[in-house]
Protein backbone atom coordinates (compact mmCIF):
# COMPACT_ATOMS: atom_id res chain seq x y z
CA MET A 1 -57.41 -43.44 36.29
CA GLU A 2 -57.30 -45.56 39.44
CA ILE A 3 -54.03 -46.88 40.88
CA ARG A 4 -54.23 -49.88 43.21
CA ASP A 5 -52.20 -52.80 44.56
CA ALA A 6 -52.04 -55.80 42.23
CA VAL A 7 -53.60 -59.10 43.22
CA GLU A 8 -53.00 -62.59 41.87
CA ASP A 9 -56.11 -62.35 39.67
CA ASP A 10 -54.36 -59.57 37.70
CA ALA A 11 -51.70 -61.97 36.37
CA GLU A 12 -53.34 -62.57 32.97
CA ARG A 13 -53.77 -58.86 32.24
CA LEU A 14 -50.26 -58.05 33.43
CA ALA A 15 -48.86 -60.83 31.24
CA THR A 16 -50.62 -59.33 28.23
CA LEU A 17 -49.16 -55.88 28.96
CA ALA A 18 -45.66 -57.22 29.58
CA ASP A 19 -45.77 -59.83 26.81
CA GLY A 20 -44.81 -62.54 29.28
CA PRO A 21 -46.19 -65.71 30.84
CA PRO A 22 -48.98 -65.40 33.42
CA ASP A 23 -47.10 -67.64 35.89
CA VAL A 24 -44.21 -65.16 35.93
CA MET A 25 -46.64 -62.30 36.61
CA ARG A 26 -48.31 -64.30 39.38
CA ASN A 27 -44.90 -64.75 41.05
CA LEU A 28 -44.14 -61.06 40.53
CA VAL A 29 -47.28 -60.09 42.46
CA HIS A 30 -46.09 -62.23 45.38
CA ASP A 31 -42.40 -61.25 45.31
CA ARG A 32 -42.45 -57.49 44.60
CA THR A 33 -44.51 -54.41 45.23
CA VAL A 34 -46.82 -54.24 42.21
CA ARG A 35 -49.25 -51.43 41.42
CA VAL A 36 -51.85 -51.46 38.64
CA ALA A 37 -53.43 -48.58 36.69
CA GLU A 38 -57.01 -49.01 35.55
CA GLU A 39 -59.41 -46.95 33.49
CA GLY A 40 -62.85 -48.39 34.00
CA GLU A 41 -62.59 -52.12 33.37
CA ASP A 42 -59.31 -51.85 31.45
CA THR A 43 -55.85 -52.40 32.92
CA VAL A 44 -53.73 -49.71 31.23
CA GLY A 45 -50.42 -50.20 33.02
CA PHE A 46 -48.46 -51.64 35.92
CA VAL A 47 -45.21 -51.17 37.80
CA SER A 48 -43.26 -53.56 40.00
CA PHE A 49 -40.39 -52.57 42.24
CA ASP A 50 -38.26 -53.58 45.18
CA ALA A 51 -35.49 -52.01 47.23
CA GLU A 52 -31.96 -53.18 47.85
CA ARG A 53 -28.77 -51.49 49.07
CA GLY A 54 -29.95 -47.89 48.89
CA THR A 55 -31.72 -48.19 45.53
CA VAL A 56 -35.32 -48.77 44.51
CA HIS A 57 -35.25 -51.00 41.44
CA VAL A 58 -38.20 -50.72 39.06
CA THR A 59 -38.25 -54.27 37.72
CA GLN A 60 -41.21 -53.94 35.33
CA LEU A 61 -43.02 -50.93 33.89
CA ALA A 62 -45.59 -51.30 31.13
CA GLY A 63 -48.58 -49.43 29.77
CA THR A 64 -49.51 -46.10 28.26
CA SER A 65 -47.24 -43.09 28.85
CA GLU A 66 -49.86 -41.51 31.11
CA ALA A 67 -50.29 -44.69 33.16
CA CYS A 68 -46.52 -45.18 33.48
CA GLU A 69 -46.05 -41.58 34.65
CA ARG A 70 -48.68 -42.04 37.36
CA LEU A 71 -47.33 -45.46 38.35
CA LEU A 72 -43.77 -44.18 38.77
CA ALA A 73 -44.98 -41.90 41.57
CA ASP A 74 -45.07 -44.84 44.03
CA PRO A 75 -41.45 -46.02 43.72
CA ILE A 76 -40.28 -42.39 43.57
CA GLU A 77 -42.17 -41.49 46.75
CA PHE A 78 -40.87 -44.61 48.51
CA ALA A 79 -37.32 -43.68 47.49
CA ARG A 80 -37.79 -40.10 48.68
CA ARG A 81 -39.04 -41.23 52.12
CA GLU A 82 -36.20 -43.74 52.51
CA HIS A 83 -33.48 -41.44 51.06
CA MET A 84 -32.79 -43.82 48.17
CA SER A 85 -32.31 -43.47 44.43
CA VAL A 86 -34.52 -45.10 41.77
CA GLU A 87 -33.19 -47.10 38.80
CA LEU A 88 -34.74 -48.89 35.86
CA LEU A 89 -33.94 -50.28 32.44
CA VAL A 90 -36.00 -49.34 29.39
CA PRO A 91 -35.90 -51.37 26.16
CA GLU A 92 -34.94 -49.23 23.15
CA SER A 93 -38.21 -50.04 21.37
CA ASP A 94 -40.51 -48.98 24.24
CA ARG A 95 -41.21 -45.34 23.42
CA GLU A 96 -44.25 -45.03 25.75
CA VAL A 97 -42.22 -46.07 28.79
CA ARG A 98 -39.21 -43.96 27.74
CA ASP A 99 -41.43 -40.87 27.44
CA ALA A 100 -42.93 -41.48 30.89
CA VAL A 101 -39.52 -42.06 32.50
CA GLU A 102 -38.03 -38.91 31.00
CA THR A 103 -41.11 -36.84 31.90
CA ALA A 104 -40.78 -38.08 35.51
CA GLY A 105 -37.26 -36.59 35.63
CA PHE A 106 -35.08 -39.68 35.24
CA ASP A 107 -31.67 -39.22 33.60
CA SER A 108 -30.12 -41.68 31.20
CA THR A 109 -26.94 -43.12 32.70
CA GLY A 110 -25.91 -45.13 29.66
CA THR A 111 -26.50 -48.42 27.99
CA GLY A 112 -27.95 -51.29 29.98
CA PRO A 113 -27.77 -55.03 29.31
CA ARG A 114 -29.38 -56.68 26.30
CA PHE A 115 -32.56 -58.69 26.87
CA ASP A 116 -33.68 -61.10 24.16
CA GLY A 117 -31.28 -59.34 21.80
CA GLU A 118 -32.74 -55.88 22.47
CA GLU A 119 -30.65 -53.03 23.82
CA THR A 120 -31.75 -51.17 26.92
CA THR A 121 -31.02 -47.79 28.44
CA ARG A 122 -30.34 -47.44 32.14
CA TYR A 123 -32.16 -44.58 33.90
CA ARG A 124 -31.64 -43.15 37.39
CA LEU A 125 -33.40 -40.61 39.56
CA GLU A 126 -32.20 -39.05 42.80
CA PRO A 127 -35.53 -37.87 44.31
CA GLU A 128 -33.82 -35.78 47.01
CA ARG A 129 -31.94 -33.80 44.36
CA ALA A 130 -34.98 -33.54 42.06
CA GLU A 131 -36.87 -31.63 44.76
CA HIS A 132 -34.43 -28.70 44.77
């Protein structure tokens, strides 16, 4: 599996993975740090994140459990270097992402907001504490 920076040409594939419009994914590539996981010619996952006020926010995470686990390494490493925490929301129905997040060491911190009527769970990781 290869992990690389996303480019604008990835928007269609990212939209398919995230079940969203390509224009939104195109903007995401320009506005956030976005990494893509590929196996051969197939895009199997992506992560987008940004940092604000001491926290790295994973704004999108989609793909297979294995791809998501590998993709989470980038925001976690960034947070570790900058002495920040990492947070993300996971929709209740997204088992692949939930498995990857929990395997990566994130802890559930409770219920998150509803999106399109679906409940989410808020997860947080303190990389500095996870090392010890």
